[in-house]
Structure formats: structure tokens, C-alpha cells
PDB file of N, CA and C in Angstrom:
ATOM      1  N   MET A   1       0.854  -1.180   0.000  1.00  0.00           N
ATOM      2  CA  MET A   1       0.000   0.000   0.000  1.00  0.00           C
ATOM      3  C   MET A   1       0.899   1.243   0.000  1.00  0.00           C
ATOM      4  N   PRO A   2       0.697   2.101  -0.964  1.00  0.00           N
ATOM      5  CA  PRO A   2       1.509   3.320  -0.998  1.00  0.00           C
ATOM      6  C   PRO A   2       1.273   4.202   0.234  1.00  0.00           C
ATOM      7  N   ILE A   3       2.271   4.935   0.585  1.00  0.00           N
ATOM      8  CA  ILE A   3       2.211   5.810   1.753  1.00  0.00           C
ATOM      9  C   ILE A   3       1.172   6.911   1.568  1.00  0.00           C
ATOM     10  N   ALA A   4       0.814   7.212   0.316  1.00  0.00           N
ATOM     11  CA  ALA A   4      -0.182   8.255   0.055  1.00  0.00           C
ATOM     12  C   ALA A   4      -1.539   7.876   0.649  1.00  0.00           C
ATOM     13  N   PHE A   5      -1.863   6.581   0.633  1.00  0.00           N
ATOM     14  CA  PHE A   5      -3.140   6.145   1.201  1.00  0.00           C
ATOM     15  C   PHE A   5      -3.163   6.292   2.726  1.00  0.00           C
ATOM     16  N   VAL A   6      -2.022   6.101   3.337  1.00  0.00           N
ATOM     17  CA  VAL A   6      -1.936   6.300   4.790  1.00  0.00           C
ATOM     18  C   VAL A   6      -2.147   7.777   5.122  1.00  0.00           C
ATOM     19  N   GLY A   7      -1.532   8.641   4.341  1.00  0.00           N
ATOM     20  CA  GLY A   7      -1.727  10.075   4.531  1.00  0.00           C
ATOM     21  C   GLY A   7      -3.158  10.493   4.269  1.00  0.00           C
ATOM     22  N   ALA A   8      -3.798   9.879   3.273  1.00  0.00           N
ATOM     23  CA  ALA A   8      -5.200  10.183   2.982  1.00  0.00           C
ATOM     24  C   ALA A   8      -6.093   9.744   4.139  1.00  0.00           C
ATOM     25  N   GLY A   9      -5.783   8.605   4.727  1.00  0.00           N
ATOM     26  CA  GLY A   9      -6.541   8.150   5.898  1.00  0.00           C
ATOM     27  C   GLY A   9      -6.383   9.104   7.064  1.00  0.00           C
ATOM     28  N   ALA A  10      -5.189   9.626   7.246  1.00  0.00           N
ATOM     29  CA  ALA A  10      -4.969  10.609   8.308  1.00  0.00           C
ATOM     30  C   ALA A  10      -5.730  11.893   8.016  1.00  0.00           C
ATOM     31  N   GLY A  11      -5.789  12.286   6.744  1.00  0.00           N
ATOM     32  CA  GLY A  11      -6.559  13.474   6.365  1.00  0.00           C
ATOM     33  C   GLY A  11      -8.040  13.299   6.642  1.00  0.00           C
ATOM     34  N   VAL A  12      -8.570  12.114   6.353  1.00  0.00           N
ATOM     35  CA  VAL A  12      -9.979  11.839   6.636  1.00  0.00           C
ATOM     36  C   VAL A  12     -10.223  11.850   8.143  1.00  0.00           C
ATOM     37  N   ALA A  13      -9.290  11.302   8.912  1.00  0.00           N
ATOM     38  CA  ALA A  13      -9.440  11.307  10.369  1.00  0.00           C
ATOM     39  C   ALA A  13      -9.455  12.738  10.912  1.00  0.00           C
ATOM     40  N   VAL A  14      -8.600  13.587  10.393  1.00  0.00           N
ATOM     41  CA  VAL A  14      -8.589  14.994  10.815  1.00  0.00           C
ATOM     42  C   VAL A  14      -9.894  15.676  10.424  1.00  0.00           C
ATOM     43  N   ALA A  15     -10.413  15.353   9.235  1.00  0.00           N
ATOM     44  CA  ALA A  15     -11.680  15.938   8.790  1.00  0.00           C
ATOM     45  C   ALA A  15     -12.831  15.510   9.693  1.00  0.00           C
ATOM     46  N   ILE A  16     -12.846  14.262  10.104  1.00  0.00           N
ATOM     47  CA  ILE A  16     -13.893  13.782  11.021  1.00  0.00           C
ATOM     48  C   ILE A  16     -13.769  14.472  12.368  1.00  0.00           C
ATOM     49  N   LEU A  17     -12.552  14.620  12.871  1.00  0.00           N
ATOM     50  CA  LEU A  17     -12.337  15.336  14.132  1.00  0.00           C
ATOM     51  C   LEU A  17     -12.807  16.777  14.027  1.00  0.00           C
ATOM     52  N   ALA A  18     -12.497  17.432  12.906  1.00  0.00           N
ATOM     53  CA  ALA A  18     -12.909  18.819  12.721  1.00  0.00           C
ATOM     54  C   ALA A  18     -14.428  18.940  12.638  1.00  0.00           C
ATOM     55  N   ALA A  19     -15.082  17.973  11.995  1.00  0.00           N
ATOM     56  CA  ALA A  19     -16.552  17.993  11.916  1.00  0.00           C
ATOM     57  C   ALA A  19     -17.164  17.837  13.305  1.00  0.00           C
ATOM     58  N   TRP A  20     -16.582  16.967  14.115  1.00  0.00           N
ATOM     59  CA  TRP A  20     -17.073  16.765  15.476  1.00  0.00           C
ATOM     60  C   TRP A  20     -16.896  18.032  16.311  1.00  0.00           C
ATOM     61  N   ARG A  21     -15.741  18.669  16.177  1.00  0.00           N
ATOM     62  CA  ARG A  21     -15.487  19.900  16.935  1.00  0.00           C
ATOM     63  C   ARG A  21     -16.397  21.042  16.466  1.00  0.00           C
ATOM     64  N   GLU A  22     -16.670  21.126  15.168  1.00  0.00           N
ATOM     65  CA  GLU A  22     -17.571  22.159  14.651  1.00  0.00           C
ATOM     66  C   GLU A  22     -18.989  21.935  15.180  1.00  0.00           C
ATOM     67  N   ARG A  23     -19.405  20.683  15.252  1.00  0.00           N
ATOM     68  CA  ARG A  23     -20.731  20.381  15.799  1.00  0.00           C
ATOM     69  C   ARG A  23     -20.814  20.779  17.266  1.00  0.00           C
ATOM     70  N   ARG A  24     -19.763  20.509  18.025  1.00  0.00           N
ATOM     71  CA  ARG A  24     -19.747  20.916  19.435  1.00  0.00           C
ATOM     72  C   ARG A  24     -19.789  22.430  19.567  1.00  0.00           C
ATOM     73  N   ARG A  25     -19.101  23.134  18.647  1.00  0.00           N
ATOM     74  CA  ARG A  25     -19.081  24.593  18.697  1.00  0.00           C
ATOM     75  C   ARG A  25     -20.473  25.166  18.443  1.00  0.00           C
ATOM     76  N   HIS A  26     -21.202  24.557  17.521  1.00  0.00           N
ATOM     77  CA  HIS A  26     -22.550  25.041  17.225  1.00  0.00           C
ATOM     78  C   HIS A  26     -23.539  24.755  18.346  1.00  0.00           C
ATOM     79  N   ARG A  27     -23.282  23.747  19.145  1.00  0.00           N
ATOM     80  CA  ARG A  27     -24.214  23.359  20.192  1.00  0.00           C
ATOM     81  C   ARG A  27     -23.806  23.845  21.582  1.00  0.00           C
ATOM     82  N   ARG A  28     -22.847  24.761  21.656  1.00  0.00           N
ATOM     83  CA  ARG A  28     -22.364  25.212  22.960  1.00  0.00           C
ATOM     84  C   ARG A  28     -23.446  26.017  23.692  1.00  0.00           C
ATOM     85  N   ALA A  29     -23.386  25.981  24.991  1.00  0.00           N
ATOM     86  CA  ALA A  29     -24.392  26.653  25.817  1.00  0.00           C
ATOM     87  C   ALA A  29     -24.105  28.149  25.927  1.00  0.00           C
ATOM     88  N   ASP A  30     -22.850  28.518  26.075  1.00  0.00           N
ATOM     89  CA  ASP A  30     -22.468  29.918  26.228  1.00  0.00           C
ATOM     90  C   ASP A  30     -22.064  30.476  24.872  1.00  0.00           C
ATOM     91  N   LEU A  31     -22.960  31.200  24.231  1.00  0.00           N
ATOM     92  CA  LEU A  31     -22.700  31.687  22.879  1.00  0.00           C
ATOM     93  C   LEU A  31     -21.649  32.788  22.830  1.00  0.00           C
ATOM     94  N   ASP A  32     -21.323  33.379  23.965  1.00  0.00           N
ATOM     95  CA  ASP A  32     -20.319  34.439  23.992  1.00  0.00           C
ATOM     96  C   ASP A  32     -18.894  33.896  23.961  1.00  0.00           C
ATOM     97  N   ARG A  33     -18.735  32.621  24.253  1.00  0.00           N
ATOM     98  CA  ARG A  33     -17.394  32.025  24.184  1.00  0.00           C
ATOM     99  C   ARG A  33     -17.068  31.736  22.727  1.00  0.00           C
ATOM    100  N   VAL A  34     -16.001  32.323  22.251  1.00  0.00           N
ATOM    101  CA  VAL A  34     -15.615  32.116  20.860  1.00  0.00           C
ATOM    102  C   VAL A  34     -14.432  31.170  20.803  1.00  0.00           C
ATOM    103  N   GLY A  35     -14.325  30.471  19.701  1.00  0.00           N
ATOM    104  CA  GLY A  35     -13.210  29.559  19.512  1.00  0.00           C
ATOM    105  C   GLY A  35     -12.077  30.224  18.758  1.00  0.00           C
ATOM    106  N   TRP A  36     -10.918  29.621  18.827  1.00  0.00           N
ATOM    107  CA  TRP A  36      -9.748  30.164  18.155  1.00  0.00           C
ATOM    108  C   TRP A  36      -9.562  29.551  16.779  1.00  0.00           C
ATOM    109  N   ILE A  37     -10.122  28.372  16.580  1.00  0.00           N
ATOM    110  CA  ILE A  37      -9.879  27.636  15.349  1.00  0.00           C
ATOM    111  C   ILE A  37     -11.154  27.597  14.521  1.00  0.00           C
ATOM    112  N   ASP A  38     -11.035  27.916  13.246  1.00  0.00           N
ATOM    113  CA  ASP A  38     -12.156  27.791  12.322  1.00  0.00           C
ATOM    114  C   ASP A  38     -12.189  26.344  11.825  1.00  0.00           C
ATOM    115  N   TRP A  39     -13.034  25.533  12.439  1.00  0.00           N
ATOM    116  CA  TRP A  39     -13.039  24.101  12.176  1.00  0.00           C
ATOM    117  C   TRP A  39     -13.520  23.771  10.769  1.00  0.00           C
ATOM    118  N   ARG A  40     -14.346  24.632  10.171  1.00  0.00           N
ATOM    119  CA  ARG A  40     -14.771  24.384   8.794  1.00  0.00           C
ATOM    120  C   ARG A  40     -13.588  24.437   7.844  1.00  0.00           C
ATOM    121  N   SER A  41     -12.712  25.409   8.051  1.00  0.00           N
ATOM    122  CA  SER A  41     -11.525  25.521   7.192  1.00  0.00           C
ATOM    123  C   SER A  41     -10.590  24.332   7.386  1.00  0.00           C
ATOM    124  N   VAL A  42     -10.454  23.889   8.615  1.00  0.00           N
ATOM    125  CA  VAL A  42      -9.613  22.722   8.890  1.00  0.00           C
ATOM    126  C   VAL A  42     -10.195  21.493   8.200  1.00  0.00           C
ATOM    127  N   GLN A  43     -11.511  21.328   8.280  1.00  0.00           N
ATOM    128  CA  GLN A  43     -12.155  20.189   7.645  1.00  0.00           C
ATOM    129  C   GLN A  43     -11.991  20.239   6.129  1.00  0.00           C
ATOM    130  N   LEU A  44     -12.199  21.396   5.545  1.00  0.00           N
ATOM    131  CA  LEU A  44     -12.055  21.538   4.094  1.00  0.00           C
ATOM    132  C   LEU A  44     -10.627  21.232   3.655  1.00  0.00           C
ATOM    133  N   ALA A  45      -9.664  21.779   4.354  1.00  0.00           N
ATOM    134  CA  ALA A  45      -8.266  21.542   3.998  1.00  0.00           C
ATOM    135  C   ALA A  45      -7.902  20.059   4.126  1.00  0.00           C
ATOM    136  N   ALA A  46      -8.389  19.410   5.182  1.00  0.00           N
ATOM    137  CA  ALA A  46      -8.090  17.992   5.380  1.00  0.00           C
ATOM    138  C   ALA A  46      -8.715  17.140   4.282  1.00  0.00           C
ATOM    139  N   LEU A  47      -9.930  17.469   3.858  1.00  0.00           N
ATOM    140  CA  LEU A  47     -10.568  16.705   2.784  1.00  0.00           C
ATOM    141  C   LEU A  47      -9.874  16.929   1.448  1.00  0.00           C
ATOM    142  N   VAL A  48      -9.430  18.144   1.184  1.00  0.00           N
ATOM    143  CA  VAL A  48      -8.700  18.412  -0.058  1.00  0.00           C
ATOM    144  C   VAL A  48      -7.380  17.653  -0.066  1.00  0.00           C
ATOM    145  N   VAL A  49      -6.677  17.658   1.039  1.00  0.00           N
ATOM    146  CA  VAL A  49      -5.412  16.914   1.136  1.00  0.00           C
ATOM    147  C   VAL A  49      -5.665  15.423   0.945  1.00  0.00           C
ATOM    148  N   ALA A  50      -6.731  14.897   1.547  1.00  0.00           N
ATOM    149  CA  ALA A  50      -7.052  13.475   1.403  1.00  0.00           C
ATOM    150  C   ALA A  50      -7.354  13.128  -0.053  1.00  0.00           C
ATOM    151  N   MET A  51      -8.108  13.981  -0.737  1.00  0.00           N
ATOM    152  CA  MET A  51      -8.417  13.705  -2.148  1.00  0.00           C
ATOM    153  C   MET A  51      -7.164  13.754  -3.013  1.00  0.00           C
ATOM    154  N   ILE A  52      -6.293  14.705  -2.752  1.00  0.00           N
ATOM    155  CA  ILE A  52      -5.052  14.793  -3.526  1.00  0.00           C
ATOM    156  C   ILE A  52      -4.182  13.566  -3.290  1.00  0.00           C
ATOM    157  N   LEU A  53      -4.081  13.127  -2.034  1.00  0.00           N
ATOM    158  CA  LEU A  53      -3.249  11.969  -1.725  1.00  0.00           C
ATOM    159  C   LEU A  53      -3.826  10.682  -2.299  1.00  0.00           C
ATOM    160  N   VAL A  54      -5.141  10.549  -2.312  1.00  0.00           N
ATOM    161  CA  VAL A  54      -5.753   9.374  -2.945  1.00  0.00           C
ATOM    162  C   VAL A  54      -5.456   9.388  -4.442  1.00  0.00           C
ATOM    163  N   SER A  55      -5.555  10.541  -5.057  1.00  0.00           N
ATOM    164  CA  SER A  55      -5.245  10.651  -6.485  1.00  0.00           C
ATOM    165  C   SER A  55      -3.782  10.273  -6.762  1.00  0.00           C
ATOM    166  N   ILE A  56      -2.892  10.749  -5.924  1.00  0.00           N
ATOM    167  CA  ILE A  56      -1.478  10.404  -6.090  1.00  0.00           C
ATOM    168  C   ILE A  56      -1.262   8.915  -5.891  1.00  0.00           C
ATOM    169  N   GLY A  57      -1.918   8.361  -4.882  1.00  0.00           N
ATOM    170  CA  GLY A  57      -1.776   6.923  -4.625  1.00  0.00           C
ATOM    171  C   GLY A  57      -2.309   6.071  -5.746  1.00  0.00           C
ATOM    172  N   LEU A  58      -3.419   6.465  -6.352  1.00  0.00           N
ATOM    173  CA  LEU A  58      -3.977   5.694  -7.457  1.00  0.00           C
ATOM    174  C   LEU A  58      -3.141   5.813  -8.724  1.00  0.00           C
ATOM    175  N   ASN A  59      -2.544   6.962  -8.943  1.00  0.00           N
ATOM    176  CA  ASN A  59      -1.731   7.169 -10.134  1.00  0.00           C
ATOM    177  C   ASN A  59      -0.330   6.575  -9.990  1.00  0.00           C
ATOM    178  N   ALA A  60       0.096   6.259  -8.783  1.00  0.00           N
ATOM    179  CA  ALA A  60       1.427   5.720  -8.551  1.00  0.00           C
ATOM    180  C   ALA A  60       1.473   4.215  -8.827  1.00  0.00           C
ATOM    181  N   ARG A  61       0.319   3.596  -8.948  1.00  0.00           N
ATOM    182  CA  ARG A  61       0.284   2.137  -9.155  1.00  0.00           C
ATOM    183  C   ARG A  61       0.673   1.752 -10.521  1.00  0.00           C
TER     184      ARG A  61
END
């Protein structure tokens, strides 16, 4: 298995973590508490990286 697929799996894991954190941010009780990290951007970047790495892994075969 090419290393690109391992990196893509890590990207998907980061995207799932970011989605979970974004959901928690939307459901928080104290709306005045703001977060430091824009989890949507993290999720988008992780999914783009995962797609690129899958493409590289498929083309390397």
C-alpha cells in the first residue's frame, strides 16, 4: 500500500475530528465564548489533502 493512502486516511481522520469539533461549537451553551480555530476551514483543507493523496496513490500504481 503506498504511503499516500496512509496520509489520505490521516486526512480523513482529521476531517472527522474537525466535523465533530464544529458540531460541538454550534451546540455550545455559552454563545459568547468564541473559539480560536475555524473548524470548517480545517475540515475543508483535510478533505482536499485526502483527495489529492488518494489521487497520487492511485496514479502511482
